[in-house]
Amino acid sequence: MHRNPRTGTEPLTARSPLGLRLVLSVVFTPLFIAGAVGFAIWAARSDPGSVPSSGVLGALAIVCAVLSLLALADLAVVEHRRRHEAGHGGRGRS
């Protein structure tokens, strides 16, 4: 099953960016998790008059948590596609 039929405009040697997506997901997932934990701890320890406020720090923790979930989801998609292509005679995409 092909994802998209060829339109004739893309080169025959075009490569999928799955390898780059894999590297980016592996690198940024732990960074976003660490950011979420760090901002959450900072928000919990901040005083009412501190700058940045605990609300801003909490929002940053939520943003980092959402980004880590997106990176994990992308990692799962990339691994699924790599296994599918390897199991069905993929054309050497990485």
PDB file of N, CA and C in Angstrom:
ATOM      1  N   MET A   1       0.848  -1.172   0.000  1.00  0.00           N
ATOM      2  CA  MET A   1       0.000   0.000   0.000  1.00  0.00           C
ATOM      3  C   MET A   1       0.889   1.230   0.000  1.00  0.00           C
ATOM      4  N   HIS A   2       0.716   2.096  -0.967  1.00  0.00           N
ATOM      5  CA  HIS A   2       1.500   3.321  -1.068  1.00  0.00           C
ATOM      6  C   HIS A   2       0.768   4.446  -0.370  1.00  0.00           C
ATOM      7  N   ARG A   3       1.532   5.328   0.254  1.00  0.00           N
ATOM      8  CA  ARG A   3       0.920   6.463   0.932  1.00  0.00           C
ATOM      9  C   ARG A   3       0.307   7.425  -0.073  1.00  0.00           C
ATOM     10  N   ASN A   4       1.073   7.818  -1.070  1.00  0.00           N
ATOM     11  CA  ASN A   4       0.589   8.743  -2.082  1.00  0.00           C
ATOM     12  C   ASN A   4       1.026   8.231  -3.447  1.00  0.00           C
ATOM     13  N   PRO A   5       0.155   8.272  -4.419  1.00  0.00           N
ATOM     14  CA  PRO A   5       0.574   7.855  -5.763  1.00  0.00           C
ATOM     15  C   PRO A   5       1.553   8.877  -6.337  1.00  0.00           C
ATOM     16  N   ARG A   6       2.448   8.399  -7.171  1.00  0.00           N
ATOM     17  CA  ARG A   6       3.422   9.295  -7.805  1.00  0.00           C
ATOM     18  C   ARG A   6       2.714  10.234  -8.764  1.00  0.00           C
ATOM     19  N   THR A   7       3.114  11.498  -8.711  1.00  0.00           N
ATOM     20  CA  THR A   7       2.541  12.474  -9.639  1.00  0.00           C
ATOM     21  C   THR A   7       3.457  12.671 -10.829  1.00  0.00           C
ATOM     22  N   GLY A   8       4.664  12.158 -10.732  1.00  0.00           N
ATOM     23  CA  GLY A   8       5.623  12.308 -11.810  1.00  0.00           C
ATOM     24  C   GLY A   8       6.557  13.492 -11.630  1.00  0.00           C
ATOM     25  N   THR A   9       6.329  14.317 -10.618  1.00  0.00           N
ATOM     26  CA  THR A   9       7.171  15.492 -10.424  1.00  0.00           C
ATOM     27  C   THR A   9       8.287  15.253  -9.418  1.00  0.00           C
ATOM     28  N   GLU A  10       8.145  14.255  -8.561  1.00  0.00           N
ATOM     29  CA  GLU A  10       9.181  14.003  -7.564  1.00  0.00           C
ATOM     30  C   GLU A  10      10.261  13.098  -8.162  1.00  0.00           C
ATOM     31  N   PRO A  11      11.507  13.280  -7.724  1.00  0.00           N
ATOM     32  CA  PRO A  11      12.580  12.446  -8.271  1.00  0.00           C
ATOM     33  C   PRO A  11      12.437  10.990  -7.819  1.00  0.00           C
ATOM     34  N   LEU A  12      12.940  10.086  -8.631  1.00  0.00           N
ATOM     35  CA  LEU A  12      12.873   8.659  -8.303  1.00  0.00           C
ATOM     36  C   LEU A  12      13.717   8.325  -7.089  1.00  0.00           C
ATOM     37  N   THR A  13      14.741   9.129  -6.821  1.00  0.00           N
ATOM     38  CA  THR A  13      15.632   8.851  -5.697  1.00  0.00           C
ATOM     39  C   THR A  13      15.250   9.624  -4.448  1.00  0.00           C
ATOM     40  N   ALA A  14      14.050  10.207  -4.400  1.00  0.00           N
ATOM     41  CA  ALA A  14      13.622  10.955  -3.219  1.00  0.00           C
ATOM     42  C   ALA A  14      13.580  10.027  -2.015  1.00  0.00           C
ATOM     43  N   ARG A  15      13.996  10.551  -0.881  1.00  0.00           N
ATOM     44  CA  ARG A  15      14.034   9.747   0.331  1.00  0.00           C
ATOM     45  C   ARG A  15      13.088  10.318   1.364  1.00  0.00           C
ATOM     46  N   SER A  16      12.512   9.455   2.144  1.00  0.00           N
ATOM     47  CA  SER A  16      11.616   9.851   3.212  1.00  0.00           C
ATOM     48  C   SER A  16      12.428  10.427   4.363  1.00  0.00           C
ATOM     49  N   PRO A  17      11.902  11.420   5.091  1.00  0.00           N
ATOM     50  CA  PRO A  17      12.629  11.998   6.225  1.00  0.00           C
ATOM     51  C   PRO A  17      12.426  11.224   7.523  1.00  0.00           C
ATOM     52  N   LEU A  18      12.104   9.936   7.439  1.00  0.00           N
ATOM     53  CA  LEU A  18      11.839   9.170   8.660  1.00  0.00           C
ATOM     54  C   LEU A  18      13.053   9.110   9.573  1.00  0.00           C
ATOM     55  N   GLY A  19      14.239   9.015   9.012  1.00  0.00           N
ATOM     56  CA  GLY A  19      15.447   8.969   9.838  1.00  0.00           C
ATOM     57  C   GLY A  19      15.635  10.249  10.631  1.00  0.00           C
ATOM     58  N   LEU A  20      15.427  11.382   9.986  1.00  0.00           N
ATOM     59  CA  LEU A  20      15.550  12.667  10.675  1.00  0.00           C
ATOM     60  C   LEU A  20      14.467  12.815  11.732  1.00  0.00           C
ATOM     61  N   ARG A  21      13.240  12.425  11.401  1.00  0.00           N
ATOM     62  CA  ARG A  21      12.160  12.491  12.382  1.00  0.00           C
ATOM     63  C   ARG A  21      12.450  11.599  13.574  1.00  0.00           C
ATOM     64  N   LEU A  22      13.050  10.442  13.335  1.00  0.00           N
ATOM     65  CA  LEU A  22      13.409   9.544  14.427  1.00  0.00           C
ATOM     66  C   LEU A  22      14.432  10.197  15.343  1.00  0.00           C
ATOM     67  N   VAL A  23      15.469  10.772  14.767  1.00  0.00           N
ATOM     68  CA  VAL A  23      16.511  11.427  15.564  1.00  0.00           C
ATOM     69  C   VAL A  23      15.926  12.591  16.364  1.00  0.00           C
ATOM     70  N   LEU A  24      15.124  13.423  15.717  1.00  0.00           N
ATOM     71  CA  LEU A  24      14.547  14.570  16.412  1.00  0.00           C
ATOM     72  C   LEU A  24      13.624  14.128  17.548  1.00  0.00           C
ATOM     73  N   SER A  25      12.833  13.105  17.323  1.00  0.00           N
ATOM     74  CA  SER A  25      11.946  12.614  18.382  1.00  0.00           C
ATOM     75  C   SER A  25      12.731  12.038  19.548  1.00  0.00           C
ATOM     76  N   VAL A  26      13.777  11.286  19.249  1.00  0.00           N
ATOM     77  CA  VAL A  26      14.584  10.680  20.307  1.00  0.00           C
ATOM     78  C   VAL A  26      15.317  11.749  21.121  1.00  0.00           C
ATOM     79  N   VAL A  27      15.764  12.807  20.457  1.00  0.00           N
ATOM     80  CA  VAL A  27      16.495  13.865  21.158  1.00  0.00           C
ATOM     81  C   VAL A  27      15.547  14.754  21.960  1.00  0.00           C
ATOM     82  N   PHE A  28      14.432  15.166  21.362  1.00  0.00           N
ATOM     83  CA  PHE A  28      13.597  16.169  21.994  1.00  0.00           C
ATOM     84  C   PHE A  28      12.580  15.621  22.990  1.00  0.00           C
ATOM     85  N   THR A  29      12.218  14.362  22.913  1.00  0.00           N
ATOM     86  CA  THR A  29      11.279  13.813  23.891  1.00  0.00           C
ATOM     87  C   THR A  29      11.810  13.942  25.312  1.00  0.00           C
ATOM     88  N   PRO A  30      13.030  13.490  25.607  1.00  0.00           N
ATOM     89  CA  PRO A  30      13.509  13.653  26.987  1.00  0.00           C
ATOM     90  C   PRO A  30      13.726  15.124  27.371  1.00  0.00           C
ATOM     91  N   LEU A  31      14.093  15.964  26.409  1.00  0.00           N
ATOM     92  CA  LEU A  31      14.267  17.385  26.727  1.00  0.00           C
ATOM     93  C   LEU A  31      12.934  18.027  27.104  1.00  0.00           C
ATOM     94  N   PHE A  32      11.880  17.722  26.364  1.00  0.00           N
ATOM     95  CA  PHE A  32      10.568  18.274  26.699  1.00  0.00           C
ATOM     96  C   PHE A  32      10.049  17.724  28.028  1.00  0.00           C
ATOM     97  N   ILE A  33      10.304  16.458  28.295  1.00  0.00           N
ATOM     98  CA  ILE A  33       9.897  15.880  29.582  1.00  0.00           C
ATOM     99  C   ILE A  33      10.641  16.564  30.718  1.00  0.00           C
ATOM    100  N   ALA A  34      11.934  16.752  30.546  1.00  0.00           N
ATOM    101  CA  ALA A  34      12.724  17.441  31.571  1.00  0.00           C
ATOM    102  C   ALA A  34      12.241  18.874  31.755  1.00  0.00           C
ATOM    103  N   GLY A  35      11.908  19.553  30.658  1.00  0.00           N
ATOM    104  CA  GLY A  35      11.382  20.909  30.760  1.00  0.00           C
ATOM    105  C   GLY A  35      10.061  20.950  31.504  1.00  0.00           C
ATOM    106  N   ALA A  36       9.184  20.008  31.214  1.00  0.00           N
ATOM    107  CA  ALA A  36       7.889  19.965  31.895  1.00  0.00           C
ATOM    108  C   ALA A  36       8.067  19.752  33.390  1.00  0.00           C
ATOM    109  N   VAL A  37       8.930  18.812  33.744  1.00  0.00           N
ATOM    110  CA  VAL A  37       9.177  18.537  35.167  1.00  0.00           C
ATOM    111  C   VAL A  37       9.845  19.739  35.831  1.00  0.00           C
ATOM    112  N   GLY A  38      10.845  20.303  35.166  1.00  0.00           N
ATOM    113  CA  GLY A  38      11.562  21.447  35.737  1.00  0.00           C
ATOM    114  C   GLY A  38      10.671  22.655  35.942  1.00  0.00           C
ATOM    115  N   PHE A  39       9.854  22.999  34.924  1.00  0.00           N
ATOM    116  CA  PHE A  39       8.951  24.136  35.076  1.00  0.00           C
ATOM    117  C   PHE A  39       7.885  23.873  36.129  1.00  0.00           C
ATOM    118  N   ALA A  40       7.412  22.636  36.241  1.00  0.00           N
ATOM    119  CA  ALA A  40       6.407  22.307  37.258  1.00  0.00           C
ATOM    120  C   ALA A  40       6.989  22.447  38.662  1.00  0.00           C
ATOM    121  N   ILE A  41       8.213  21.971  38.845  1.00  0.00           N
ATOM    122  CA  ILE A  41       8.864  22.103  40.159  1.00  0.00           C
ATOM    123  C   ILE A  41       9.111  23.572  40.476  1.00  0.00           C
ATOM    124  N   TRP A  42       9.585  24.331  39.491  1.00  0.00           N
ATOM    125  CA  TRP A  42       9.842  25.753  39.685  1.00  0.00           C
ATOM    126  C   TRP A  42       8.542  26.487  40.041  1.00  0.00           C
ATOM    127  N   ALA A  43       7.456  26.139  39.356  1.00  0.00           N
ATOM    128  CA  ALA A  43       6.161  26.772  39.633  1.00  0.00           C
ATOM    129  C   ALA A  43       5.691  26.441  41.047  1.00  0.00           C
ATOM    130  N   ALA A  44       5.906  25.206  41.481  1.00  0.00           N
ATOM    131  CA  ALA A  44       5.471  24.795  42.814  1.00  0.00           C
ATOM    132  C   ALA A  44       6.274  25.494  43.901  1.00  0.00           C
ATOM    133  N   ARG A  45       7.520  25.806  43.625  1.00  0.00           N
ATOM    134  CA  ARG A  45       8.387  26.437  44.632  1.00  0.00           C
ATOM    135  C   ARG A  45       8.391  27.960  44.570  1.00  0.00           C
ATOM    136  N   SER A  46       7.729  28.546  43.575  1.00  0.00           N
ATOM    137  CA  SER A  46       7.783  30.005  43.437  1.00  0.00           C
ATOM    138  C   SER A  46       6.869  30.676  44.451  1.00  0.00           C
ATOM    139  N   ASP A  47       7.261  31.876  44.854  1.00  0.00           N
ATOM    140  CA  ASP A  47       6.490  32.672  45.797  1.00  0.00           C
ATOM    141  C   ASP A  47       5.413  33.451  45.046  1.00  0.00           C
ATOM    142  N   PRO A  48       4.401  33.952  45.747  1.00  0.00           N
ATOM    143  CA  PRO A  48       3.326  34.693  45.070  1.00  0.00           C
ATOM    144  C   PRO A  48       3.808  35.914  44.285  1.00  0.00           C
ATOM    145  N   GLY A  49       4.843  36.588  44.715  1.00  0.00           N
ATOM    146  CA  GLY A  49       5.307  37.779  44.008  1.00  0.00           C
ATOM    147  C   GLY A  49       6.500  37.549  43.102  1.00  0.00           C
ATOM    148  N   SER A  50       6.877  36.322  42.880  1.00  0.00           N
ATOM    149  CA  SER A  50       8.082  36.052  42.091  1.00  0.00           C
ATOM    150  C   SER A  50       7.826  36.244  40.597  1.00  0.00           C
ATOM    151  N   VAL A  51       8.909  36.527  39.912  1.00  0.00           N
ATOM    152  CA  VAL A  51       8.857  36.710  38.452  1.00  0.00           C
ATOM    153  C   VAL A  51       9.777  35.682  37.839  1.00  0.00           C
ATOM    154  N   PRO A  52       9.364  34.870  36.897  1.00  0.00           N
ATOM    155  CA  PRO A  52       8.016  34.758  36.346  1.00  0.00           C
ATOM    156  C   PRO A  52       7.051  34.145  37.354  1.00  0.00           C
ATOM    157  N   SER A  53       5.796  34.413  37.175  1.00  0.00           N
ATOM    158  CA  SER A  53       4.782  33.943  38.118  1.00  0.00           C
ATOM    159  C   SER A  53       4.584  32.435  37.990  1.00  0.00           C
ATOM    160  N   SER A  54       3.963  31.875  39.004  1.00  0.00           N
ATOM    161  CA  SER A  54       3.730  30.425  38.973  1.00  0.00           C
ATOM    162  C   SER A  54       2.766  30.056  37.844  1.00  0.00           C
ATOM    163  N   GLY A  55       1.872  30.974  37.471  1.00  0.00           N
ATOM    164  CA  GLY A  55       0.964  30.710  36.350  1.00  0.00           C
ATOM    165  C   GLY A  55       1.701  30.576  35.029  1.00  0.00           C
ATOM    166  N   VAL A  56       2.676  31.463  34.811  1.00  0.00           N
ATOM    167  CA  VAL A  56       3.479  31.398  33.580  1.00  0.00           C
ATOM    168  C   VAL A  56       4.309  30.121  33.573  1.00  0.00           C
ATOM    169  N   LEU A  57       4.897  29.799  34.708  1.00  0.00           N
ATOM    170  CA  LEU A  57       5.707  28.584  34.793  1.00  0.00           C
ATOM    171  C   LEU A  57       4.846  27.336  34.603  1.00  0.00           C
ATOM    172  N   GLY A  58       3.648  27.352  35.138  1.00  0.00           N
ATOM    173  CA  GLY A  58       2.722  26.228  34.938  1.00  0.00           C
ATOM    174  C   GLY A  58       2.330  26.079  33.483  1.00  0.00           C
ATOM    175  N   ALA A  59       2.107  27.223  32.816  1.00  0.00           N
ATOM    176  CA  ALA A  59       1.775  27.182  31.393  1.00  0.00           C
ATOM    177  C   ALA A  59       2.943  26.618  30.584  1.00  0.00           C
ATOM    178  N   LEU A  60       4.163  27.021  30.931  1.00  0.00           N
ATOM    179  CA  LEU A  60       5.339  26.476  30.241  1.00  0.00           C
ATOM    180  C   LEU A  60       5.479  24.975  30.487  1.00  0.00           C
ATOM    181  N   ALA A  61       5.152  24.538  31.700  1.00  0.00           N
ATOM    182  CA  ALA A  61       5.187  23.099  31.998  1.00  0.00           C
ATOM    183  C   ALA A  61       4.171  22.351  31.145  1.00  0.00           C
ATOM    184  N   ILE A  62       2.989  22.918  30.980  1.00  0.00           N
ATOM    185  CA  ILE A  62       1.958  22.280  30.157  1.00  0.00           C
ATOM    186  C   ILE A  62       2.378  22.245  28.695  1.00  0.00           C
ATOM    187  N   VAL A  63       2.950  23.336  28.204  1.00  0.00           N
ATOM    188  CA  VAL A  63       3.421  23.368  26.812  1.00  0.00           C
ATOM    189  C   VAL A  63       4.490  22.295  26.590  1.00  0.00           C
ATOM    190  N   CYS A  64       5.437  22.194  27.513  1.00  0.00           N
ATOM    191  CA  CYS A  64       6.485  21.169  27.379  1.00  0.00           C
ATOM    192  C   CYS A  64       5.891  19.765  27.445  1.00  0.00           C
ATOM    193  N   ALA A  65       4.893  19.561  28.303  1.00  0.00           N
ATOM    194  CA  ALA A  65       4.264  18.241  28.400  1.00  0.00           C
ATOM    195  C   ALA A  65       3.548  17.882  27.100  1.00  0.00           C
ATOM    196  N   VAL A  66       2.840  18.843  26.520  1.00  0.00           N
ATOM    197  CA  VAL A  66       2.146  18.590  25.253  1.00  0.00           C
ATOM    198  C   VAL A  66       3.155  18.297  24.149  1.00  0.00           C
ATOM    199  N   LEU A  67       4.241  19.065  24.100  1.00  0.00           N
ATOM    200  CA  LEU A  67       5.272  18.824  23.086  1.00  0.00           C
ATOM    201  C   LEU A  67       5.921  17.456  23.269  1.00  0.00           C
ATOM    202  N   SER A  68       6.105  17.028  24.511  1.00  0.00           N
ATOM    203  CA  SER A  68       6.683  15.693  24.731  1.00  0.00           C
ATOM    204  C   SER A  68       5.727  14.608  24.267  1.00  0.00           C
ATOM    205  N   LEU A  69       4.417  14.811  24.472  1.00  0.00           N
ATOM    206  CA  LEU A  69       3.442  13.831  23.981  1.00  0.00           C
ATOM    207  C   LEU A  69       3.427  13.785  22.454  1.00  0.00           C
ATOM    208  N   LEU A  70       3.528  14.947  21.821  1.00  0.00           N
ATOM    209  CA  LEU A  70       3.586  14.978  20.356  1.00  0.00           C
ATOM    210  C   LEU A  70       4.846  14.288  19.839  1.00  0.00           C
ATOM    211  N   ALA A  71       5.975  14.522  20.509  1.00  0.00           N
ATOM    212  CA  ALA A  71       7.217  13.879  20.094  1.00  0.00           C
ATOM    213  C   ALA A  71       7.125  12.363  20.278  1.00  0.00           C
ATOM    214  N   LEU A  72       6.501  11.918  21.361  1.00  0.00           N
ATOM    215  CA  LEU A  72       6.310  10.474  21.570  1.00  0.00           C
ATOM    216  C   LEU A  72       5.388   9.877  20.513  1.00  0.00           C
ATOM    217  N   ALA A  73       4.330  10.600  20.174  1.00  0.00           N
ATOM    218  CA  ALA A  73       3.412  10.109  19.138  1.00  0.00           C
ATOM    219  C   ALA A  73       4.136  10.024  17.797  1.00  0.00           C
ATOM    220  N   ASP A  74       4.941  11.031  17.474  1.00  0.00           N
ATOM    221  CA  ASP A  74       5.688  11.005  16.220  1.00  0.00           C
ATOM    222  C   ASP A  74       6.691   9.858  16.217  1.00  0.00           C
ATOM    223  N   LEU A  75       7.312   9.611  17.355  1.00  0.00           N
ATOM    224  CA  LEU A  75       8.245   8.486  17.467  1.00  0.00           C
ATOM    225  C   LEU A  75       7.527   7.169  17.187  1.00  0.00           C
ATOM    226  N   ALA A  76       6.325   7.015  17.719  1.00  0.00           N
ATOM    227  CA  ALA A  76       5.559   5.789  17.477  1.00  0.00           C
ATOM    228  C   ALA A  76       5.187   5.651  16.001  1.00  0.00           C
ATOM    229  N   VAL A  77       4.791   6.752  15.379  1.00  0.00           N
ATOM    230  CA  VAL A  77       4.436   6.715  13.955  1.00  0.00           C
ATOM    231  C   VAL A  77       5.646   6.359  13.104  1.00  0.00           C
ATOM    232  N   VAL A  78       6.777   6.979  13.403  1.00  0.00           N
ATOM    233  CA  VAL A  78       7.996   6.710  12.634  1.00  0.00           C
ATOM    234  C   VAL A  78       8.403   5.249  12.773  1.00  0.00           C
ATOM    235  N   GLU A  79       8.383   4.731  13.986  1.00  0.00           N
ATOM    236  CA  GLU A  79       8.754   3.323  14.187  1.00  0.00           C
ATOM    237  C   GLU A  79       7.787   2.398  13.463  1.00  0.00           C
ATOM    238  N   HIS A  80       6.502   2.712  13.495  1.00  0.00           N
ATOM    239  CA  HIS A  80       5.520   1.882  12.786  1.00  0.00           C
ATOM    240  C   HIS A  80       5.802   1.893  11.283  1.00  0.00           C
ATOM    241  N   ARG A  81       6.050   3.061  10.727  1.00  0.00           N
ATOM    242  CA  ARG A  81       6.321   3.155   9.286  1.00  0.00           C
ATOM    243  C   ARG A  81       7.614   2.468   8.912  1.00  0.00           C
ATOM    244  N   ARG A  82       8.639   2.593   9.751  1.00  0.00           N
ATOM    245  CA  ARG A  82       9.912   1.922   9.438  1.00  0.00           C
ATOM    246  C   ARG A  82       9.744   0.406   9.466  1.00  0.00           C
ATOM    247  N   ARG A  83       8.998  -0.097  10.439  1.00  0.00           N
ATOM    248  CA  ARG A  83       8.760  -1.548  10.504  1.00  0.00           C
ATOM    249  C   ARG A  83       7.913  -2.007   9.321  1.00  0.00           C
ATOM    250  N   HIS A  84       6.914  -1.219   8.975  1.00  0.00           N
ATOM    251  CA  HIS A  84       6.040  -1.568   7.848  1.00  0.00           C
ATOM    252  C   HIS A  84       6.829  -1.596   6.549  1.00  0.00           C
ATOM    253  N   GLU A  85       7.688  -0.604   6.318  1.00  0.00           N
ATOM    254  CA  GLU A  85       8.469  -0.561   5.095  1.00  0.00           C
ATOM    255  C   GLU A  85       9.511  -1.678   5.062  1.00  0.00           C
ATOM    256  N   ALA A  86      10.100  -1.983   6.212  1.00  0.00           N
ATOM    257  CA  ALA A  86      11.108  -3.054   6.265  1.00  0.00           C
ATOM    258  C   ALA A  86      10.445  -4.421   6.048  1.00  0.00           C
ATOM    259  N   GLY A  87       9.252  -4.589   6.570  1.00  0.00           N
ATOM    260  CA  GLY A  87       8.562  -5.870   6.444  1.00  0.00           C
ATOM    261  C   GLY A  87       7.925  -6.095   5.100  1.00  0.00           C
ATOM    262  N   HIS A  88       7.714  -5.033   4.336  1.00  0.00           N
ATOM    263  CA  HIS A  88       7.056  -5.166   3.045  1.00  0.00           C
ATOM    264  C   HIS A  88       7.954  -4.757   1.889  1.00  0.00           C
ATOM    265  N   GLY A  89       9.236  -4.908   2.096  1.00  0.00           N
ATOM    266  CA  GLY A  89      10.165  -4.624   0.995  1.00  0.00           C
ATOM    267  C   GLY A  89      10.237  -3.167   0.624  1.00  0.00           C
ATOM    268  N   GLY A  90      10.377  -2.315   1.628  1.00  0.00           N
ATOM    269  CA  GLY A  90      10.496  -0.889   1.362  1.00  0.00           C
ATOM    270  C   GLY A  90      11.694  -0.592   0.487  1.00  0.00           C
ATOM    271  N   ARG A  91      11.707   0.576  -0.105  1.00  0.00           N
ATOM    272  CA  ARG A  91      12.756   0.924  -1.065  1.00  0.00           C
ATOM    273  C   ARG A  91      13.951   1.606  -0.402  1.00  0.00           C
ATOM    274  N   GLY A  92      14.329   1.171   0.789  1.00  0.00           N
ATOM    275  CA  GLY A  92      15.532   1.703   1.415  1.00  0.00           C
ATOM    276  C   GLY A  92      15.358   3.087   2.010  1.00  0.00           C
ATOM    277  N   ARG A  93      14.152   3.436   2.354  1.00  0.00           N
ATOM    278  CA  ARG A  93      13.951   4.748   2.968  1.00  0.00           C
ATOM    279  C   ARG A  93      14.472   4.730   4.374  1.00  0.00           C
ATOM    280  N   SER A  94      14.976   5.885   4.794  1.00  0.00           N
ATOM    281  CA  SER A  94      15.486   5.962   6.169  1.00  0.00           C
ATOM    282  C   SER A  94      14.875   7.098   6.912  1.00  0.00           C
TER     283      SER A  94
END
